[in-house]
Structure formats: C-alpha cells, structure tokens
Protein backbone atom coordinates (compact mmCIF):
# COMPACT_ATOMS: atom_id res chain seq x y z
CA MET A 1 0.00 0.00 0.00
CA GLU A 2 2.91 2.33 0.52
CA GLU A 3 3.95 1.87 -3.13
CA ASN A 4 0.75 3.50 -4.25
CA ASN A 5 1.73 6.59 -2.33
CA ILE A 6 4.93 7.20 -4.31
CA PRO A 7 5.08 10.96 -5.01
CA VAL A 8 4.68 12.03 -8.71
CA PRO A 9 7.03 14.84 -9.86
CA PRO A 10 5.51 17.93 -11.38
CA LEU A 11 5.10 18.14 -15.20
CA GLU A 12 7.91 20.67 -15.52
CA GLU A 13 10.36 18.25 -13.90
CA GLN A 14 9.19 15.41 -16.14
CA ALA A 15 9.92 17.46 -19.18
CA ALA A 16 13.37 18.28 -17.83
CA GLN A 17 14.11 14.62 -17.25
CA GLN A 18 13.55 13.67 -20.96
CA PRO A 19 16.45 15.18 -22.94
CA THR A 20 16.71 12.23 -25.33
CA ALA A 21 13.42 13.10 -26.99
CA GLN A 22 14.91 16.41 -28.24
CA THR A 23 18.07 14.65 -29.35
CA TYR A 24 16.15 12.35 -31.70
CA GLU A 25 14.08 15.17 -33.14
CA GLN A 26 17.08 17.34 -34.15
CA PRO A 27 18.20 15.23 -37.18
CA TYR A 28 14.82 15.78 -38.84
CA GLU A 29 15.10 19.57 -38.93
CA PRO A 30 17.18 19.62 -42.18
CA GLN A 31 14.73 17.20 -43.80
CA GLN A 32 11.85 19.54 -43.07
CA GLN A 33 13.61 22.33 -45.09
CA ALA A 34 14.57 20.11 -48.04
CA THR A 35 11.43 20.85 -49.99
CA PRO A 36 11.87 24.67 -50.06
CA ILE A 37 15.46 24.25 -51.27
CA ASP A 38 14.36 22.10 -54.21
CA ASP A 39 11.63 24.62 -55.06
CA GLU A 40 14.16 27.45 -55.06
CA ARG A 41 16.42 25.58 -57.47
CA GLU A 42 13.51 25.05 -59.84
CA THR A 43 12.60 28.74 -59.93
CA LYS A 44 16.18 29.76 -60.70
CA VAL A 45 16.13 27.90 -64.03
CA THR A 46 14.41 30.90 -65.63
CA ASP A 47 16.98 33.24 -64.13
CA THR A 48 20.05 31.77 -65.80
CA ILE A 49 22.10 33.99 -68.08
CA TRP A 50 21.35 32.07 -71.26
CA PHE A 51 17.62 32.03 -70.63
CA ARG A 52 17.52 35.79 -70.02
CA LEU A 53 19.74 36.42 -73.04
CA GLY A 54 17.34 34.39 -75.16
CA VAL A 55 14.34 36.39 -73.92
CA ILE A 56 16.16 39.70 -74.51
CA LEU A 57 17.07 38.57 -78.03
CA LEU A 58 13.43 37.66 -78.66
CA ILE A 59 12.33 41.11 -77.47
CA THR A 60 14.89 42.71 -79.78
CA MET A 61 13.55 40.78 -82.76
CA LEU A 62 9.96 41.70 -81.91
CA LEU A 63 10.92 45.38 -81.71
CA PHE A 64 11.87 45.13 -85.37
CA ILE A 65 8.11 45.16 -86.10
CA PRO A 66 7.44 48.67 -84.71
CA LEU A 67 10.66 49.87 -86.38
CA GLN A 68 9.25 48.70 -89.71
CA MET A 69 5.96 50.42 -88.91
CA VAL A 70 7.79 53.71 -88.38
CA SER A 71 9.68 53.14 -91.63
CA SER A 72 6.39 52.57 -93.47
CA LEU A 73 4.98 55.74 -91.91
CA ASN A 74 8.05 57.66 -93.04
CA HIS A 75 7.62 56.35 -96.59
CA GLU A 76 3.94 57.31 -96.55
CA ARG A 77 4.75 60.84 -95.39
CA GLN A 78 7.32 61.19 -98.18
CA GLN A 79 4.72 60.16 -100.73
CA THR A 80 2.31 62.70 -99.26
CA ALA A 81 5.00 65.36 -99.57
CA LEU A 82 5.56 64.45 -103.23
CA SER A 83 1.83 64.63 -103.89
CA ALA A 84 1.70 68.08 -102.27
CA GLN A 85 4.66 69.21 -104.38
CA ASP A 86 2.97 67.95 -107.56
CA GLU A 87 -0.14 69.87 -106.58
CA ILE A 88 1.86 73.06 -106.11
CA THR A 89 3.86 72.72 -109.31
CA GLY A 90 0.75 71.66 -111.21
CA LYS A 91 -0.78 75.06 -110.52
CA TRP A 92 2.47 76.94 -111.25
CA ALA A 93 4.35 75.08 -114.02
CA GLN A 94 6.16 71.78 -114.34
CA PRO A 95 9.96 71.38 -114.66
CA GLN A 96 10.90 72.91 -118.00
CA HIS A 97 12.90 70.90 -120.56
CA ILE A 98 13.82 73.19 -123.46
CA THR A 99 14.64 71.93 -126.95
CA GLY A 100 15.09 74.48 -129.71
CA PRO A 101 14.87 76.39 -131.82
CA ILE A 102 14.47 73.80 -134.60
CA LEU A 103 13.52 74.42 -138.21
CA ALA A 104 10.85 71.95 -139.48
CA ILE A 105 10.21 71.76 -143.26
CA PRO A 106 7.43 69.52 -144.57
CA TYR A 107 8.01 67.50 -147.75
CA GLY A 108 6.07 65.21 -150.09
CA GLU A 109 2.38 64.44 -150.37
CA GLY A 110 0.13 61.61 -149.19
CA GLU A 111 1.89 58.49 -147.94
CA GLY A 112 5.29 59.90 -148.83
CA ALA A 113 4.80 63.02 -146.75
CA GLY A 114 7.11 63.78 -143.85
CA THR A 115 9.01 66.49 -142.06
CA LEU A 116 12.68 67.37 -142.26
CA TYR A 117 14.06 68.73 -138.99
CA VAL A 118 17.10 71.00 -139.26
CA LEU A 119 19.05 71.83 -136.11
CA PRO A 120 21.00 75.09 -135.69
CA LYS A 121 24.65 75.36 -136.63
CA SER A 122 25.36 76.99 -133.28
CA LEU A 123 23.43 77.53 -130.04
CA ASN A 124 24.25 79.88 -127.20
CA ALA A 125 21.77 79.64 -124.33
CA ASN A 126 21.91 82.01 -121.36
CA ALA A 127 19.44 81.53 -118.50
CA ASP A 128 18.93 83.61 -115.35
CA VAL A 129 16.83 81.65 -112.83
CA LYS A 130 15.15 83.28 -109.83
CA SER A 131 13.80 80.68 -107.42
CA GLN A 132 11.28 80.86 -104.60
CA THR A 133 9.55 78.42 -102.24
CA LEU A 134 5.81 77.84 -102.19
CA HIS A 135 4.03 76.01 -99.36
CA ARG A 136 1.05 73.73 -99.11
CA SER A 137 0.33 73.03 -95.43
CA ILE A 138 3.66 71.78 -93.99
CA TYR A 139 5.04 70.83 -97.41
CA GLU A 140 6.99 72.99 -99.83
CA ALA A 141 8.12 73.06 -103.45
CA VAL A 142 10.74 75.13 -105.26
CA VAL A 143 9.50 77.14 -108.27
CA TYR A 144 11.24 79.72 -110.42
CA ASN A 145 10.94 82.52 -112.94
CA SER A 146 13.57 82.55 -115.65
CA THR A 147 14.76 84.75 -118.48
CA ILE A 148 16.31 82.72 -121.29
CA ASP A 149 18.17 84.09 -124.31
CA LEU A 150 18.75 81.73 -127.23
CA LYS A 151 21.14 82.90 -129.94
CA GLY A 152 23.04 81.26 -132.79
CA THR A 153 22.97 80.55 -136.51
CA PHE A 154 21.27 78.23 -138.99
CA ASN A 155 23.12 76.91 -142.05
CA LEU A 156 20.16 75.67 -144.06
CA ARG A 157 22.05 75.59 -147.36
CA ASP A 158 24.60 73.02 -146.15
CA GLU A 159 22.02 70.81 -144.44
CA LEU A 160 19.75 70.67 -147.48
CA ALA A 161 22.69 69.57 -149.61
CA ASN A 162 22.51 66.22 -147.84
CA PHE A 163 18.76 65.81 -148.46
CA SER A 164 17.92 63.83 -151.61
CA ASN A 165 14.37 65.14 -152.13
CA THR A 166 15.02 68.85 -152.09
CA ASP A 167 12.50 69.48 -154.83
CA LYS A 168 9.73 68.03 -152.67
CA LEU A 169 10.31 70.43 -149.77
CA HIS A 170 7.54 72.90 -149.02
CA MET A 171 9.80 75.78 -148.02
CA ASP A 172 6.92 78.24 -147.71
CA LYS A 173 5.30 76.05 -145.04
CA ALA A 174 8.34 75.73 -142.81
CA ARG A 175 7.99 76.25 -139.08
CA ILE A 176 10.27 77.34 -136.25
CA LEU A 177 9.71 75.04 -133.23
CA VAL A 178 10.72 75.35 -129.59
CA GLY A 179 10.00 72.34 -127.40
CA LEU A 180 8.89 73.00 -123.81
CA THR A 181 7.47 70.84 -121.05
CA ASP A 182 4.63 73.05 -119.88
CA LEU A 183 3.25 75.85 -122.06
CA ARG A 184 1.58 77.40 -119.02
CA GLY A 185 5.02 78.60 -117.99
CA ILE A 186 5.21 81.13 -120.86
CA SER A 187 4.86 84.54 -119.22
CA LYS A 188 5.21 86.84 -122.25
CA PRO A 189 4.86 86.53 -126.04
CA MET A 190 7.94 85.02 -127.65
CA LYS A 191 9.59 87.06 -130.39
CA LEU A 192 12.08 85.54 -132.81
CA GLN A 193 14.57 87.37 -135.01
CA LEU A 194 15.64 85.15 -137.91
CA GLY A 195 17.88 86.76 -140.51
CA GLY A 196 16.38 90.17 -141.05
CA ASN A 197 12.81 89.13 -140.20
CA HIS A 198 10.82 89.21 -136.96
CA TYR A 199 8.32 86.53 -136.00
CA GLU A 200 5.97 86.02 -133.07
CA ILE A 201 5.94 82.47 -131.76
CA ASN A 202 2.52 82.11 -130.21
CA ASP A 203 1.04 78.88 -131.63
CA GLY A 204 1.04 75.74 -129.50
CA GLY A 205 1.12 72.17 -130.64
CA ILE A 206 2.55 68.69 -130.16
CA ASP A 207 5.52 67.13 -131.90
CA SER A 208 6.90 63.96 -130.35
CA LYS A 209 9.70 63.40 -132.88
CA PHE A 210 12.19 65.56 -131.03
CA GLN A 211 10.76 65.85 -127.49
CA ASP A 212 8.57 63.35 -125.65
CA LYS A 213 7.98 61.76 -122.25
CA SER A 214 11.37 60.05 -122.31
CA THR A 215 12.85 63.37 -121.15
CA LEU A 216 11.17 62.78 -117.79
CA ILE A 217 12.59 59.25 -117.62
CA ALA A 218 16.10 60.41 -118.49
CA LEU A 219 16.29 63.40 -116.14
CA GLU A 220 13.86 62.79 -113.29
CA GLY A 221 14.72 59.18 -112.52
CA ILE A 222 11.27 57.74 -113.26
CA GLU A 223 11.47 53.94 -113.34
CA LEU A 224 9.13 51.96 -115.57
CA GLY A 225 8.53 48.22 -115.55
CA GLU A 226 8.70 46.09 -118.66
CA GLY A 227 5.97 47.13 -121.04
CA GLU A 228 4.78 49.92 -118.72
CA GLU A 229 3.89 53.30 -120.17
CA LEU A 230 4.59 56.63 -118.49
CA ASN A 231 1.24 57.92 -117.24
CA THR A 232 1.50 61.66 -116.69
CA THR A 233 -0.45 64.80 -117.48
CA ARG A 234 2.72 66.80 -118.09
CA GLY A 235 2.90 68.38 -121.54
CA THR A 236 6.23 66.80 -122.39
CA GLU A 237 5.52 66.80 -126.15
CA SER A 238 4.43 70.44 -126.27
CA VAL A 239 5.95 72.91 -128.72
CA VAL A 240 5.48 76.55 -129.63
CA CYS A 241 5.85 77.41 -133.28
CA SER A 242 5.60 80.03 -135.99
CA VAL A 243 5.17 79.52 -139.74
CA ILE A 244 7.91 81.12 -141.87
CA ASP A 245 9.05 81.18 -145.49
CA ALA A 246 12.35 79.31 -145.46
CA ASN A 247 13.29 80.28 -149.04
CA ALA A 248 14.86 83.46 -147.69
CA LEU A 249 17.17 81.35 -145.52
CA LEU A 250 18.76 79.82 -148.62
CA GLN A 251 20.06 83.18 -149.81
CA SER A 252 22.80 83.41 -147.21
CA ALA A 253 24.73 81.14 -144.87
CA PRO A 254 24.87 81.25 -141.97
CA VAL A 255 21.59 82.89 -140.87
CA PRO A 256 21.59 84.39 -137.36
CA TYR A 257 18.69 84.05 -134.95
CA SER A 258 17.82 85.27 -131.45
CA LEU A 259 14.92 84.38 -129.16
CA THR A 260 14.04 85.49 -125.62
CA LEU A 261 11.81 83.43 -123.28
CA GLU A 262 10.18 84.55 -120.06
CA LEU A 263 9.50 81.14 -118.59
CA LYS A 264 8.11 79.81 -115.32
CA GLY A 265 8.90 76.34 -114.02
CA SER A 266 9.57 74.29 -110.93
CA GLU A 267 12.39 72.27 -109.38
CA MET A 268 14.42 71.74 -112.58
CA ILE A 269 15.42 73.41 -115.83
CA SER A 270 17.21 71.62 -118.69
CA PHE A 271 18.45 72.27 -122.24
CA ALA A 272 19.12 70.03 -125.24
CA PRO A 273 22.50 70.74 -126.88
CA ILE A 274 21.07 70.73 -130.40
CA GLY A 275 23.68 73.02 -131.97
CA GLU A 276 26.61 71.60 -133.88
CA SER A 277 28.48 73.70 -131.33
CA THR A 278 26.59 74.48 -128.13
CA GLN A 279 27.30 76.62 -125.11
CA ILE A 280 24.78 76.68 -122.25
CA HIS A 281 25.20 79.08 -119.35
CA VAL A 282 22.82 79.01 -116.38
CA LYS A 283 22.97 81.17 -113.27
CA GLY A 284 20.59 81.46 -110.36
CA ASP A 285 20.11 82.40 -106.72
CA CYS A 286 19.68 78.84 -105.40
CA ALA A 287 22.53 77.96 -103.02
CA THR A 288 21.99 74.17 -103.26
CA PRO A 289 21.80 73.27 -106.97
CA SER A 290 22.38 69.81 -108.36
CA PHE A 291 23.90 69.44 -111.84
CA MET A 292 22.73 66.43 -113.78
CA GLY A 293 22.00 65.10 -117.24
CA PHE A 294 24.14 63.89 -120.14
CA ILE A 295 27.33 65.66 -119.09
CA LEU A 296 28.49 67.75 -116.15
CA PRO A 297 29.26 71.46 -116.63
CA ALA A 298 32.76 72.40 -117.76
CA ASP A 299 32.80 75.31 -115.30
CA ARG A 300 30.69 75.86 -112.23
CA LYS A 301 30.64 78.04 -109.16
CA VAL A 302 28.39 77.59 -106.12
CA ASP A 303 28.26 79.75 -103.00
CA ASN A 304 25.75 81.17 -100.55
CA LYS A 305 24.63 83.77 -103.09
CA GLY A 306 23.81 81.29 -105.84
CA PHE A 307 25.42 79.38 -108.67
CA GLU A 308 26.77 79.65 -112.21
CA ALA A 309 27.40 76.75 -114.59
CA THR A 310 28.57 76.48 -118.19
CA TRP A 311 28.37 73.50 -120.57
CA ASN A 312 30.32 73.28 -123.85
CA MET A 313 29.38 70.55 -126.32
CA ILE A 314 29.87 69.74 -130.00
CA GLY A 315 27.88 67.59 -132.40
CA VAL A 316 30.20 64.59 -132.15
CA ASN A 317 29.28 64.26 -128.43
CA ARG A 318 25.70 63.34 -129.36
CA THR A 319 24.07 60.36 -131.07
CA TYR A 320 21.89 62.30 -133.54
CA SER A 321 22.73 64.34 -136.63
CA GLN A 322 22.04 67.96 -137.53
CA SER A 323 19.10 67.03 -139.74
CA PHE A 324 16.72 64.08 -139.58
CA SER A 325 13.22 63.03 -140.60
CA ASN A 326 12.79 60.04 -138.33
CA ASP A 327 11.95 59.99 -134.59
CA CYS A 328 14.97 61.24 -132.60
CA SER A 329 13.11 62.16 -129.42
CA ARG A 330 14.79 59.58 -127.18
CA ALA A 331 18.29 60.43 -128.37
CA ILE A 332 17.67 64.15 -127.86
CA SER A 333 16.12 63.52 -124.43
CA LYS A 334 19.19 61.63 -123.27
CA SER A 335 21.46 64.53 -124.29
CA HIS A 336 19.76 67.11 -122.02
CA VAL A 337 21.83 68.88 -119.37
CA ALA A 338 20.00 70.13 -116.31
CA VAL A 339 20.10 72.05 -113.04
CA SER A 340 17.93 70.74 -110.23
CA LEU A 341 16.82 73.24 -107.59
CA LYS A 342 15.42 70.69 -105.15
CA VAL A 343 16.58 70.50 -101.53
CA PRO A 344 19.55 68.09 -101.70
CA VAL A 345 18.60 65.81 -98.78
CA GLU A 346 15.13 65.91 -97.30
CA ASN A 347 14.25 65.13 -93.68
CA GLY A 348 12.40 61.98 -94.68
CA GLN A 349 15.47 60.57 -96.42
CA LYS A 350 17.69 61.23 -93.41
CA THR A 351 15.11 59.68 -91.10
CA GLU A 352 15.09 56.58 -93.30
CA ARG A 353 18.87 56.37 -93.02
CA ALA A 354 18.69 56.78 -89.24
CA LEU A 355 16.15 53.94 -89.02
CA LYS A 356 18.76 51.57 -90.45
CA TYR A 357 20.67 51.94 -87.16
CA GLY A 358 17.59 51.28 -85.00
CA LEU A 359 18.39 47.66 -84.14
CA LEU A 360 22.01 48.58 -83.36
CA VAL A 361 20.87 51.14 -80.77
CA ILE A 362 18.44 48.68 -79.20
CA VAL A 363 21.01 45.86 -79.00
CA LEU A 364 23.72 48.04 -77.44
CA THR A 365 21.31 49.62 -74.94
CA PHE A 366 20.00 46.19 -73.89
CA ALA A 367 23.58 44.92 -73.59
CA ALA A 368 24.48 47.81 -71.28
CA ALA A 369 21.39 47.17 -69.16
CA PHE A 370 22.11 43.42 -68.98
CA PHE A 371 25.74 43.94 -67.95
CA THR A 372 24.54 46.39 -65.31
CA GLU A 373 22.26 43.65 -63.97
CA LEU A 374 25.17 41.25 -63.61
CA LYS A 375 27.43 43.87 -62.07
CA THR A 376 24.98 45.20 -59.48
CA HIS A 377 22.99 41.97 -58.85
CA LYS A 378 19.80 44.00 -59.32
CA ARG A 379 17.08 42.55 -61.49
CA ILE A 380 15.55 44.35 -64.49
CA ASN A 381 12.16 42.85 -65.30
CA ILE A 382 11.47 41.60 -68.82
CA LEU A 383 8.56 44.02 -69.08
CA GLN A 384 10.95 46.84 -68.24
CA TYR A 385 13.19 45.77 -71.14
CA VAL A 386 10.15 45.98 -73.41
CA LEU A 387 9.33 49.50 -72.19
CA VAL A 388 12.91 50.67 -72.74
CA GLY A 389 12.85 49.16 -76.24
CA LEU A 390 9.60 50.93 -77.10
CA ALA A 391 11.13 54.21 -75.90
CA LEU A 392 14.03 53.67 -78.31
CA VAL A 393 11.60 53.02 -81.17
CA LEU A 394 9.63 56.13 -80.25
CA PHE A 395 12.77 58.19 -80.93
CA TYR A 396 12.31 57.69 -84.68
CA SER A 397 8.64 58.62 -84.55
CA LEU A 398 9.61 61.82 -82.72
CA LEU A 399 12.34 62.49 -85.28
CA LEU A 400 9.91 62.06 -88.16
CA SER A 401 7.11 64.18 -86.72
CA ILE A 402 9.30 67.02 -85.42
CA GLY A 403 11.38 66.97 -88.62
CA GLU A 404 8.31 67.92 -90.66
CA HIS A 405 8.27 71.33 -88.97
CA VAL A 406 11.93 72.16 -88.25
CA ALA A 407 15.34 71.39 -89.71
CA PHE A 408 16.58 67.80 -89.37
CA ASP A 409 19.48 68.75 -87.09
CA ILE A 410 17.16 70.46 -84.59
CA ALA A 411 14.62 67.62 -84.78
CA TYR A 412 17.35 65.05 -84.14
CA LEU A 413 18.64 66.96 -81.11
CA ILE A 414 15.16 67.35 -79.59
CA ALA A 415 14.21 63.70 -80.14
CA ALA A 416 17.56 62.47 -78.76
CA LEU A 417 17.31 64.63 -75.61
CA MET A 418 13.76 63.47 -74.92
CA THR A 419 14.63 59.79 -75.39
CA VAL A 420 17.90 59.85 -73.44
CA THR A 421 16.26 61.69 -70.51
CA MET A 422 13.32 59.28 -70.36
CA VAL A 423 15.45 56.12 -70.53
CA ALA A 424 18.03 57.39 -68.00
CA LEU A 425 15.38 58.36 -65.44
CA TYR A 426 13.47 55.12 -65.93
CA VAL A 427 16.53 52.87 -65.52
CA SER A 428 17.55 54.89 -62.45
CA GLY A 429 14.17 54.15 -60.91
CA VAL A 430 14.32 50.46 -61.83
CA LEU A 431 17.81 49.91 -60.38
CA LYS A 432 17.29 52.35 -57.48
CA ALA A 433 20.64 53.85 -58.42
CA ARG A 434 20.95 57.16 -60.24
CA LYS A 435 24.59 56.44 -61.10
CA HIS A 436 23.82 53.41 -63.28
CA GLY A 437 20.83 55.12 -64.90
CA MET A 438 22.98 58.09 -65.85
CA MET A 439 25.66 55.75 -67.23
CA ILE A 440 23.16 54.06 -69.55
CA GLY A 441 21.77 57.47 -70.50
CA GLY A 442 25.29 58.67 -71.30
CA LEU A 443 25.93 55.59 -73.45
CA LEU A 444 22.69 56.20 -75.34
CA ALA A 445 23.66 59.84 -75.90
CA LEU A 446 27.02 58.73 -77.31
CA LEU A 447 25.23 56.30 -79.64
CA TYR A 448 22.90 59.01 -80.97
CA GLY A 449 25.85 61.36 -81.43
CA TYR A 450 27.80 58.68 -83.28
CA ILE A 451 24.86 57.93 -85.59
CA TYR A 452 24.41 61.65 -86.31
CA ILE A 453 28.05 61.81 -87.42
CA LEU A 454 27.48 58.82 -89.70
CA LEU A 455 24.44 60.52 -91.21
CA SER A 456 26.50 63.65 -91.87
CA LEU A 457 29.39 61.83 -93.49
CA GLU A 458 29.33 60.73 -97.12
CA THR A 459 32.69 59.49 -98.37
CA TRP A 460 33.89 58.16 -94.98
CA ALA A 461 30.55 56.87 -93.65
CA LEU A 462 31.36 53.17 -94.20
CA VAL A 463 34.85 53.47 -92.70
CA ALA A 464 33.61 55.40 -89.66
CA GLY A 465 30.80 52.91 -89.13
CA SER A 466 33.05 49.85 -89.33
CA VAL A 467 35.72 51.30 -87.03
CA GLY A 468 33.07 52.46 -84.55
CA LEU A 469 31.49 49.00 -84.39
CA PHE A 470 34.92 47.45 -83.89
CA ILE A 471 35.62 49.74 -80.93
CA ILE A 472 32.18 49.09 -79.40
CA LEU A 473 32.58 45.32 -79.67
CA SER A 474 36.08 45.51 -78.17
CA VAL A 475 34.79 47.46 -75.16
CA ILE A 476 31.95 44.97 -74.63
CA MET A 477 34.34 41.99 -74.81
CA ARG A 478 36.74 43.60 -72.36
CA TYR A 479 34.00 44.57 -69.93
CA SER A 480 32.40 41.11 -70.06
CA LEU A 481 35.56 39.50 -68.64
CA GLU A 482 34.95 41.17 -65.27
CA LEU A 483 31.32 40.11 -64.90
CA PRO A 484 30.25 37.29 -62.55
CA GLY A 485 28.87 34.32 -64.43
CA VAL A 486 30.87 35.20 -67.56
CA SER A 487 34.49 34.96 -66.39
CA GLY A 488 36.04 31.70 -65.19
CA LYS A 489 35.70 32.78 -61.54
CA ASN A 490 32.04 31.81 -61.40
CA SER A 491 31.22 30.01 -64.58
CA SER A 492 28.61 27.82 -62.88
CA LEU A 493 26.04 30.55 -63.37
CA ILE A 494 26.17 29.94 -67.10
C-alpha cells in the first residue's frame, strides 16, 4: 500500500528529465527544409544567363516590327509630300525641258509626206533663274521665274545639200519650233529674229519626234517596268511654233537668230545641246543646286549667293545628226543637261537612313542594361526591357514628326534629348541607383551622337561605321571578362 503513495514529480520536472526526446528530433530539422530548397532551385532555371539572353534577343527581334511600322509611316509621309509638291507645281508650271529652236520643213504628199528637222549650226543659251519656295500646309516646293536668251545661226544651205528630195520640200510652209514641257510657264509673247525678219511664236502644238515623255525618264529618274507606259499629265511633247518662209534662208549662210523666253517652271530646268556647237550658261540664286544630265558642266561656281554653270558641247558628243526626218526624241532627251533646284537631302530621307541603325541602338542599350544587372545583382524585369525598347523606337517617330516642322538637325537633337532623358530616369528608378541610370543614358547619348556623325558623313561613312562597331565590340568583350557568371571565376552561373 505504501507503493501507491509514491510521489509524482511535477510536469515541468518530467519534461526536464527527458532530454533524449529532443536529441532524436534534431536530425529531422534539415529534412523539413529540403522541400523549399528544391523549389528554389527550380525557380532559378528561368533566371540563368542564357535564358535571359534568349528572352532579350526575342524582345529585340519583336521590336523590329514597330521599327518597320515607323519606316512605313516615313515612306507614306514622303509620298504625301511628293503629292503636295505635284499639286503646287501643277498650278504653277512643271519642270521645263527646253529643246530648240528647230527648223521643221514639210516634204512630199500623201503616204510619202514627212518632215525634215534642221538643227541650228550653233546655239548659245543664257538663263537667269530666280527661285522661290511655295508652301502647301507643312510641305513645300521650289519654283522659279527665268529669263532665257537663245542665240546662234542656222546653215540651211549646207544641211539641205545632204537631203535627196530637195524638190519636194515645201519651203513656204516651214515652221520654227521650240519644245517646252509646260506651255503654261510662258509669261510673255515670244519674239524671234531670224535673218532680217521678226516673228511672233505664239502657236502651240505637239511634236513627239524631237521631245517626248522620255525626257522625264532620263532626267527625273522615273522607273518603268517592262511594257509599262509613263502615265502623266505633263505636256512633255508640247511645242510653240511660228510659220515662216524658209526660201529666204537659202540666200545666205549662216543665218543668225535670237529668241528670248520669259519662262516659269519648278524644281528643274534643262536644255538640249542641239547646236553643232553648243554653249549653255545658267545662273541662279539657289545655293543648293544639283547638276545632272548627259554631261556635267565644264565650269561651275556655287556659294551662298547662288550658282553659275557652263556646258560646252559639239555635235560629235551626241548620237543624232544635224538634220533628220525620223523619230529622234529619245536620243535628244538623253542629251539634255540640267540644273535641279530641289533641296539636296530631305528630312524623310535622313530619317530613313537613321532607321537603319535602329536595331544597333536597341542591342547596345540592352547589352548595357544586362551587364549592369550582372554587375549590381539587381534585377531588371522583362517588361521593363520591353518599355525601354519601345522608348528607343519612339525616338524615330519623334524624329519624323518634329522633322516635318523644323530642320533635321534640330529635330534630331530634340528627339535624342527626350529619349535619353526618359530612358536614363526610368533605368535609375528600376535599379534604385541614379549612377547606373545616368551611365546608360550617357551611353545612349554617345550612340545618338555617333549615328548623327554617320548621317552627316558621305565618303567616310562606311569606314567610320566599321571602325566604330569594332571599338564598341572591343569594349563589350573587355567589360564582359569582369562580370560574374561570364568569367572563369564563377562560370557555374552559365
């Protein structure tokens, strides 16, 4: 009975007397945390360098789509500008292509009828071109008023000596022709002095045997597909003429002539060197002319006040003779020499060139951001890469829209400042470090400055671009050696 009265220790003492229970429970503590460790390893698969590089590369490729959209928009705006220019010039006068004066003598009757065209022995053309700019909304076109003096001689006697059917010529029905592009550009009546006689050239007409639409193809760079016809309302076959009695021209050789034109036009003026010896002299107040056509001027001078250019040509330089009865319009069209008064490089063209460097800017900016991630161990979210990429694409939209109202240089500066500021501030907020955001902003500013230099260069653009890319790649390779996960010090992260 005394055994039943054994005292029972308090619960606290019982717990103190059982240390072995805690000893057996301790080995299980690591096993209880095994599951979270495995889960953590699984989530880090998407955070490896190669996976993130693949995602960034995919984003870069997808950003090519909005870049192409901006390029299409730029092309559309250029076409709109051309349409506006055509509308302006259509109400003023088209580019003038001048061929003449030419003596046309009909011969024969019925099916054997034709026309003998006799070109002048000499031609001296002097043109004074005064240009101005007309606007339609935000678009503009260059138009001009010109005073043109045509002087020289005809040697009809020598040219007719080579024609076998002289007796069939209707000398009393001969005409003096001057080919123009747009007869609306004639400002005053045209008066011709030929020998000792005076004629008024005030009759219009069409003659496609010495001037046709091929002049536009030769000088204005119009490209036609196989079998395609040039569809235009321009009066490229137009001529002004006056009927004369050519019998008087046979009495003496050579016969002098002089003709003065008050002519309006737009963007371009050209002359056909139809004389056996030809001198063409053109001067104007346009400070940015472009000389084009069959041959470049022998002498030229261009400064801020304007330009002067002189062409000297002889008959052997051309592919047509001094007299003909067949169609020589294409040969004459190809021999034109011209002065273009267009703006040399438009904003749309420079924007298109800048767009070609769009992917380069995106790749280098993403590379700088990715290296900054590895260096600082701070994560940049994939969505944040997308937003930075869209900001870089928006630069070209800003450049295009602002460039329609101001000069390209100013538009480029404004768009670059806006984009660099936005990206630098955003990256600073993402990384919580103003220093790294400003570094990426500075790199982006250098890129835009480098691209601007490439856009300004002409002869050395390819060399500068290649050397610049070499230096950029060298810097990236050198910098990558010091990054964790890239160098051999911690290659397990790869």
